[in-house]
Amino acid sequence: MKKALVLVDFQNDFIDGSLGTKEAQAILPNVIEKLSHYPKENRFATQDTHFEDYLSTQEGKNLPVIHCQNGTYGWEIRKEAQVAMSSTSSKFSSRINSAKLLEPKVVFSKILAKPTC
């Protein structure tokens, strides 16, 4: 069985932006280092994306903090992760640059194909 590394919402707003924490900032070097242990074809990422109407959505009503708004700095995958991914995989880099990362349902359907209890 192949192992994969999935960066889940590794975006600026979740690291040091509107929803960032000291803990998220602290793990940054370890996450970047961990990327080097996985073949480029086994590295994936999800990207939380919201639009201008975020505050009127169900999530926005429960978490009224604007974050990961499409096209903003906070929405972008952390630069260090982009560099680590693109230095070994131009295919992944093009996914980041075009904002067409894996849809979460695709990632999770692969991960949850064999549930463990």
Protein backbone atom coordinates (compact mmCIF):
# COMPACT_ATOMS: atom_id res chain seq x y z
CA MET A 1 0.00 0.00 0.00
CA LYS A 2 1.32 3.44 -0.95
CA LYS A 3 1.43 6.24 1.57
CA ALA A 4 0.30 9.74 0.67
CA LEU A 5 0.77 13.10 2.32
CA VAL A 6 -2.25 15.38 2.24
CA LEU A 7 -1.80 19.00 3.25
CA VAL A 8 -5.22 20.02 4.49
CA ASP A 9 -5.93 23.74 4.14
CA PHE A 10 -2.26 24.67 4.64
CA GLN A 11 -3.09 28.28 3.83
CA ASN A 12 -1.84 31.62 5.11
CA ASP A 13 -5.07 32.49 6.92
CA PHE A 14 -4.82 29.29 8.97
CA ILE A 15 -1.13 29.79 9.77
CA ASP A 16 -0.61 33.46 10.58
CA GLY A 17 -3.66 35.13 9.11
CA SER A 18 -7.17 35.74 10.38
CA LEU A 19 -7.46 32.24 11.93
CA GLY A 20 -3.75 31.61 12.48
CA THR A 21 -2.16 30.43 15.69
CA LYS A 22 1.31 30.23 17.22
CA GLU A 23 0.98 26.45 17.06
CA ALA A 24 0.33 26.52 13.30
CA GLN A 25 3.37 28.75 12.81
CA ALA A 26 5.49 26.42 14.95
CA ILE A 27 4.79 23.31 12.84
CA LEU A 28 5.65 25.00 9.54
CA PRO A 29 9.28 23.77 9.34
CA ASN A 30 8.25 20.20 10.20
CA VAL A 31 5.54 20.15 7.55
CA ILE A 32 7.94 21.39 4.88
CA GLU A 33 10.55 18.82 5.94
CA LYS A 34 7.94 16.04 5.91
CA LEU A 35 7.15 16.76 2.26
CA SER A 36 10.61 15.53 1.28
CA HIS A 37 9.79 12.04 2.57
CA TYR A 38 7.01 11.45 0.02
CA PRO A 39 7.31 10.91 -3.72
CA LYS A 40 5.92 13.80 -5.73
CA GLU A 41 3.03 11.71 -7.05
CA ASN A 42 1.91 10.98 -3.48
CA ARG A 43 1.67 14.62 -2.35
CA PHE A 44 -1.75 16.25 -2.33
CA ALA A 45 -3.38 19.37 -0.94
CA THR A 46 -6.82 20.76 -0.25
CA GLN A 47 -7.61 24.45 -0.29
CA ASP A 48 -10.41 26.04 1.71
CA THR A 49 -12.12 28.60 -0.53
CA HIS A 50 -14.73 31.20 0.33
CA PHE A 51 -16.27 34.03 -1.64
CA GLU A 52 -17.61 37.50 -0.91
CA ASP A 53 -20.89 36.08 0.42
CA TYR A 54 -19.11 34.02 3.11
CA LEU A 55 -20.70 35.79 6.08
CA SER A 56 -24.18 34.97 4.78
CA THR A 57 -23.42 31.24 4.44
CA GLN A 58 -24.11 28.61 7.12
CA GLU A 59 -20.42 28.42 8.00
CA GLY A 60 -20.09 32.22 8.01
CA LYS A 61 -22.96 32.54 10.46
CA ASN A 62 -21.28 30.07 12.82
CA LEU A 63 -17.73 31.36 12.28
CA PRO A 64 -18.05 35.06 11.42
CA VAL A 65 -14.37 35.54 10.57
CA ILE A 66 -13.54 36.25 6.95
CA HIS A 67 -10.83 33.85 5.86
CA CYS A 68 -9.51 32.08 2.77
CA GLN A 69 -11.37 34.40 0.45
CA ASN A 70 -10.71 33.34 -3.14
CA GLY A 71 -7.76 35.16 -4.68
CA THR A 72 -6.44 36.77 -1.48
CA TYR A 73 -3.08 36.28 0.21
CA GLY A 74 -4.81 34.45 3.07
CA TRP A 75 -6.35 31.97 0.61
CA GLU A 76 -3.00 30.98 -0.90
CA ILE A 77 -1.20 27.78 0.03
CA ARG A 78 1.75 28.74 2.23
CA LYS A 79 4.65 29.86 0.01
CA GLU A 80 7.15 27.43 1.55
CA ALA A 81 4.81 24.53 0.75
CA GLN A 82 4.32 25.80 -2.81
CA VAL A 83 8.10 25.91 -3.27
CA ALA A 84 8.58 22.44 -1.77
CA MET A 85 5.86 21.03 -4.00
CA SER A 86 6.85 22.80 -7.19
CA SER A 87 10.56 22.04 -6.88
CA THR A 88 9.76 18.37 -7.33
CA SER A 89 6.50 18.42 -9.25
CA SER A 90 5.58 20.89 -11.95
CA LYS A 91 2.21 19.13 -12.20
CA PHE A 92 1.45 19.97 -8.57
CA SER A 93 2.74 23.52 -9.02
CA SER A 94 0.37 24.08 -11.92
CA ARG A 95 -2.49 22.88 -9.72
CA ILE A 96 -1.54 25.42 -7.09
CA ASN A 97 -1.13 28.24 -9.57
CA SER A 98 -4.48 27.58 -11.21
CA ALA A 99 -6.20 27.05 -7.83
CA LYS A 100 -7.45 23.68 -9.01
CA LEU A 101 -6.26 21.50 -6.20
CA LEU A 102 -7.88 18.22 -5.36
CA GLU A 103 -11.49 18.49 -4.36
CA PRO A 104 -11.74 17.37 -0.72
CA LYS A 105 -14.26 14.64 -1.58
CA VAL A 106 -11.72 13.11 -3.98
CA VAL A 107 -8.96 13.16 -1.38
CA PHE A 108 -11.11 11.82 1.40
CA SER A 109 -12.71 9.13 -0.74
CA LYS A 110 -9.22 7.79 -1.44
CA ILE A 111 -8.20 8.01 2.20
CA LEU A 112 -11.42 6.51 3.53
CA ALA A 113 -11.62 3.70 0.99
CA LYS A 114 -10.47 1.31 3.72
CA PRO A 115 -11.80 2.68 6.99
CA THR A 116 -10.01 1.67 10.13
CA CYS A 117 -11.63 1.44 13.55
